[in-house]
Amino acid sequence: MIAKVRQLWQKIVSWCRSKINGLRASNGSRQSSILADEVTRACREWQDAQRLLDFVDPELADYVIYRINAAQSRYEALIIQAKKHNETAWKEPLKPAVGQDNF
């Protein structure tokens, strides 16, 4: 179970980093910077909550699960807010590779 949690953890970290770097690069405005900082903070909180799984006392497992879910919800809400402000992780829209079939 710990190996699965660590694997999930690595995916979360890399995904968060790609989104955060994209937000910072997409727009240099003050509002964009504040939003990117909040996304960074939310991602860090989510990561910290995930790390608690390694050290949690069985009596506190419910609290750690609650904290993980709360941090994930906050992070997702900030990503939605960033999308509403047309913030993206990429400067240009992604296009399919040449020769790739679109589904």
Protein backbone atom coordinates (compact mmCIF):
# COMPACT_ATOMS: atom_id res chain seq x y z
CA MET A 1 0.00 0.00 0.00
CA ILE A 2 2.80 2.41 0.82
CA ALA A 3 4.34 1.82 -2.62
CA LYS A 4 1.04 2.72 -4.28
CA VAL A 5 0.73 5.86 -2.17
CA ARG A 6 4.27 6.90 -3.08
CA GLN A 7 3.60 6.27 -6.77
CA LEU A 8 0.42 8.36 -6.59
CA TRP A 9 2.38 10.99 -4.69
CA GLN A 10 4.98 11.29 -7.46
CA LYS A 11 2.25 11.72 -10.07
CA ILE A 12 0.61 14.45 -7.99
CA VAL A 13 3.89 16.29 -7.50
CA SER A 14 4.83 16.26 -11.17
CA TRP A 15 1.34 17.29 -12.23
CA CYS A 16 1.27 20.15 -9.69
CA ARG A 17 4.66 21.40 -10.82
CA SER A 18 3.64 21.44 -14.47
CA LYS A 19 0.45 23.38 -13.70
CA ILE A 20 2.23 25.87 -11.43
CA ASN A 21 5.03 26.53 -13.89
CA GLY A 22 2.51 27.03 -16.65
CA LEU A 23 0.50 29.50 -14.60
CA ARG A 24 3.58 31.56 -13.88
CA ALA A 25 4.69 31.57 -17.49
CA SER A 26 1.30 32.27 -19.04
CA ASN A 27 0.70 35.80 -17.81
CA GLY A 28 2.89 38.31 -16.01
CA SER A 29 0.09 40.27 -14.33
CA ARG A 30 -0.10 40.77 -10.57
CA GLN A 31 -3.38 38.84 -10.30
CA SER A 32 -1.88 35.93 -12.20
CA SER A 33 1.10 35.93 -9.86
CA ILE A 34 -1.12 35.88 -6.78
CA LEU A 35 -3.23 33.08 -8.21
CA ALA A 36 -0.13 31.08 -9.13
CA ASP A 37 1.18 31.55 -5.57
CA GLU A 38 -2.12 30.32 -4.13
CA VAL A 39 -2.06 27.30 -6.43
CA THR A 40 1.51 26.61 -5.28
CA ARG A 41 0.48 26.89 -1.64
CA ALA A 42 -2.55 24.63 -2.17
CA CYS A 43 -0.42 22.05 -3.94
CA ARG A 44 2.09 22.11 -1.09
CA GLU A 45 -0.71 21.65 1.46
CA TRP A 46 -1.98 18.67 -0.54
CA GLN A 47 1.53 17.20 -0.67
CA ASP A 48 2.01 17.72 3.07
CA ALA A 49 -1.28 15.98 3.78
CA GLN A 50 -0.20 13.05 1.60
CA ARG A 51 3.09 12.82 3.50
CA LEU A 52 1.22 12.46 6.77
CA LEU A 53 0.10 9.01 5.63
CA ASP A 54 3.63 7.75 6.27
CA PHE A 55 3.59 8.86 9.91
CA VAL A 56 -0.03 8.81 11.00
CA ASP A 57 -1.17 7.03 14.11
CA PRO A 58 -4.07 4.68 13.27
CA GLU A 59 -6.31 6.70 15.59
CA LEU A 60 -5.75 9.80 13.42
CA ALA A 61 -6.23 8.17 10.02
CA ASP A 62 -9.67 9.74 9.56
CA TYR A 63 -8.23 13.19 10.21
CA VAL A 64 -5.46 12.67 7.65
CA ILE A 65 -7.95 11.47 5.05
CA TYR A 66 -10.11 14.54 5.74
CA ARG A 67 -7.09 16.81 5.40
CA ILE A 68 -6.06 15.18 2.10
CA ASN A 69 -9.55 15.57 0.68
CA ALA A 70 -9.82 19.19 1.85
CA ALA A 71 -6.45 20.11 0.37
CA GLN A 72 -7.29 18.39 -2.90
CA SER A 73 -10.63 20.21 -3.11
CA ARG A 74 -8.97 23.58 -2.50
CA TYR A 75 -6.35 22.87 -5.14
CA GLU A 76 -8.96 21.81 -7.69
CA ALA A 77 -11.05 24.92 -6.95
CA LEU A 78 -8.03 27.15 -7.55
CA ILE A 79 -7.30 25.38 -10.84
CA ILE A 80 -10.90 26.00 -11.91
CA GLN A 81 -10.53 29.66 -10.95
CA ALA A 82 -7.32 29.89 -12.96
CA LYS A 83 -9.12 28.43 -15.98
CA LYS A 84 -11.86 31.05 -15.62
CA HIS A 85 -9.14 33.71 -15.84
CA ASN A 86 -7.81 31.99 -18.98
CA GLU A 87 -4.64 30.93 -17.22
CA THR A 88 -3.08 27.86 -18.76
CA ALA A 89 -0.10 25.67 -18.14
CA TRP A 90 0.87 26.05 -21.80
CA LYS A 91 1.42 29.18 -23.85
CA GLU A 92 -0.29 27.77 -26.93
CA PRO A 93 -3.15 25.29 -27.25
CA LEU A 94 -1.97 21.72 -27.48
CA LYS A 95 -2.22 20.19 -30.93
CA PRO A 96 -2.16 16.49 -31.76
CA ALA A 97 1.08 15.13 -33.15
CA VAL A 98 1.24 14.76 -36.91
CA GLY A 99 -0.18 11.42 -37.98
CA GLN A 100 -2.01 10.84 -34.70
CA ASP A 101 -5.66 9.88 -34.91
CA ASN A 102 -8.10 12.11 -33.05
CA PHE A 103 -10.74 10.29 -31.07
